[in-house]
Amino acid sequence: MTHHAPFQCSRRLFLAGVGTTFAGALLAACGDSTAEVAATDVPVGSAVIVGKFIVAQPTAGEYRAYSTVCPHQGSTINAVDGDTVVCPAHGSVFSIADGSVLTGPSGQPLTAAHLEENAGTLSVGQ
């Protein structure tokens, strides 16, 4: 019968593993942190969902962008309903004009995203 000694993890191996795991998790969480959409594809008085962002045009020529992450429990907002967006998990409804909560349970507004317009293209990022 062969007897094997139990595996022992050195401090160096442990720290390397922790660092590698953290870096991988960080990269996975970041994913694609930018998106682009033609300004003409965003309807006046409504919004579109592009990647991880909500791009809205509350009034003609005025653009806003928000994260699709619902501030209530982190679910992904995936529905536009006229001048609002709706979280499918618990039904929170948010205004596209300013990201405010119209119907809870969310107690926090949408997180604004950075938006730039250049030659008819809207670029959105964190």
Protein backbone atom coordinates (compact mmCIF):
# COMPACT_ATOMS: atom_id res chain seq x y z
CA MET A 1 0.00 0.00 0.00
CA THR A 2 1.38 3.37 -1.01
CA HIS A 3 0.99 6.27 1.40
CA HIS A 4 0.88 9.81 0.00
CA ALA A 5 1.54 12.84 2.14
CA PRO A 6 -1.32 15.38 2.23
CA PHE A 7 -0.99 18.35 -0.12
CA GLN A 8 0.44 21.43 1.52
CA CYS A 9 -0.12 24.84 0.04
CA SER A 10 2.73 27.30 0.44
CA ARG A 11 2.11 30.98 1.06
CA ARG A 12 3.46 31.80 -2.41
CA LEU A 13 1.15 29.28 -4.12
CA PHE A 14 -1.83 30.50 -2.10
CA LEU A 15 -1.21 34.16 -2.99
CA ALA A 16 -0.68 33.32 -6.65
CA GLY A 17 -3.98 31.43 -6.69
CA VAL A 18 -5.85 34.26 -4.98
CA GLY A 19 -4.37 36.83 -7.38
CA THR A 20 -5.23 34.75 -10.45
CA THR A 21 -8.77 34.10 -9.24
CA PHE A 22 -9.35 37.79 -8.46
CA ALA A 23 -7.98 38.92 -11.84
CA GLY A 24 -10.20 36.43 -13.68
CA ALA A 25 -13.29 37.48 -11.73
CA LEU A 26 -12.54 41.15 -12.36
CA LEU A 27 -12.14 40.61 -16.10
CA ALA A 28 -15.33 38.55 -16.28
CA ALA A 29 -17.26 41.22 -14.38
CA CYS A 30 -16.00 44.02 -16.60
CA GLY A 31 -16.87 42.31 -19.86
CA ASP A 32 -17.60 44.71 -22.68
CA SER A 33 -17.84 48.07 -20.93
CA THR A 34 -18.68 50.17 -23.99
CA ALA A 35 -21.38 50.20 -26.65
CA GLU A 36 -22.27 52.24 -29.72
CA VAL A 37 -25.56 52.96 -31.42
CA ALA A 38 -26.59 55.29 -34.23
CA ALA A 39 -28.48 58.29 -32.85
CA THR A 40 -31.18 57.64 -35.47
CA ASP A 41 -31.82 54.20 -33.90
CA VAL A 42 -32.92 55.75 -30.58
CA PRO A 43 -36.59 56.77 -30.82
CA VAL A 44 -37.68 60.17 -29.51
CA GLY A 45 -39.54 59.72 -26.22
CA SER A 46 -38.22 56.21 -25.70
CA ALA A 47 -35.04 54.15 -25.42
CA VAL A 48 -33.12 51.15 -26.72
CA ILE A 49 -31.04 48.61 -24.87
CA VAL A 50 -27.55 48.20 -26.30
CA GLY A 51 -25.31 45.69 -24.57
CA LYS A 52 -25.15 46.62 -20.89
CA PHE A 53 -26.66 50.06 -21.42
CA ILE A 54 -30.00 51.81 -21.84
CA VAL A 55 -29.73 54.66 -24.34
CA ALA A 56 -32.66 57.09 -24.22
CA GLN A 57 -33.85 60.14 -26.11
CA PRO A 58 -36.45 61.72 -23.79
CA THR A 59 -36.88 64.72 -26.10
CA ALA A 60 -35.59 65.32 -29.62
CA GLY A 61 -31.80 65.67 -29.62
CA GLU A 62 -31.42 65.02 -25.86
CA TYR A 63 -29.70 61.70 -25.11
CA ARG A 64 -29.25 59.92 -21.78
CA ALA A 65 -27.57 56.63 -20.89
CA TYR A 66 -27.90 54.30 -17.91
CA SER A 67 -26.63 50.92 -16.82
CA THR A 68 -29.02 47.98 -17.36
CA VAL A 69 -28.24 46.77 -13.83
CA CYS A 70 -31.29 47.29 -11.62
CA PRO A 71 -30.26 49.05 -8.40
CA HIS A 72 -32.72 46.94 -6.40
CA GLN A 73 -31.00 43.54 -6.56
CA GLY A 74 -28.75 43.66 -9.62
CA SER A 75 -31.05 42.00 -12.16
CA THR A 76 -30.69 43.00 -15.80
CA ILE A 77 -33.26 45.47 -17.08
CA ASN A 78 -34.31 44.17 -20.49
CA ALA A 79 -37.58 45.87 -21.40
CA VAL A 80 -38.42 49.31 -22.75
CA ASP A 81 -42.05 50.39 -22.40
CA GLY A 82 -42.54 53.78 -24.05
CA ASP A 83 -40.83 56.37 -21.85
CA THR A 84 -39.93 53.84 -19.13
CA VAL A 85 -37.76 50.77 -18.63
CA VAL A 86 -38.87 47.81 -16.56
CA CYS A 87 -36.90 45.32 -14.47
CA PRO A 88 -38.32 41.83 -15.04
CA ALA A 89 -37.27 40.48 -11.64
CA HIS A 90 -39.47 42.52 -9.31
CA GLY A 91 -41.25 45.00 -11.57
CA SER A 92 -39.42 48.23 -10.76
CA VAL A 93 -40.18 50.90 -13.38
CA PHE A 94 -37.77 53.73 -14.17
CA SER A 95 -38.11 56.99 -16.15
CA ILE A 96 -35.88 57.31 -19.22
CA ALA A 97 -35.77 61.09 -18.71
CA ASP A 98 -33.74 61.02 -15.50
CA GLY A 99 -33.49 57.39 -14.36
CA SER A 100 -35.78 57.99 -11.39
CA VAL A 101 -37.90 55.23 -9.84
CA LEU A 102 -41.55 55.47 -10.86
CA THR A 103 -42.65 52.19 -9.26
CA GLY A 104 -40.67 50.18 -6.70
CA PRO A 105 -39.52 48.07 -5.00
CA SER A 106 -36.26 49.77 -6.04
CA GLY A 107 -35.46 52.70 -3.79
CA GLN A 108 -32.58 53.97 -5.96
CA PRO A 109 -32.55 55.48 -9.46
CA LEU A 110 -30.74 53.95 -12.42
CA THR A 111 -26.98 54.45 -12.55
CA ALA A 112 -26.06 57.00 -15.19
CA ALA A 113 -23.50 56.00 -17.82
CA HIS A 114 -21.09 58.21 -19.74
CA LEU A 115 -22.44 59.14 -23.18
CA GLU A 116 -20.74 60.92 -26.07
CA GLU A 117 -22.16 61.85 -29.46
CA ASN A 118 -19.85 62.03 -32.46
CA ALA A 119 -21.01 62.33 -36.08
CA GLY A 120 -24.37 60.70 -35.38
CA THR A 121 -22.96 57.85 -33.29
CA LEU A 122 -23.64 57.56 -29.57
CA SER A 123 -20.84 55.95 -27.56
CA VAL A 124 -21.69 54.74 -24.08
CA GLY A 125 -19.41 53.54 -21.29
CA GLN A 126 -18.94 53.47 -17.55
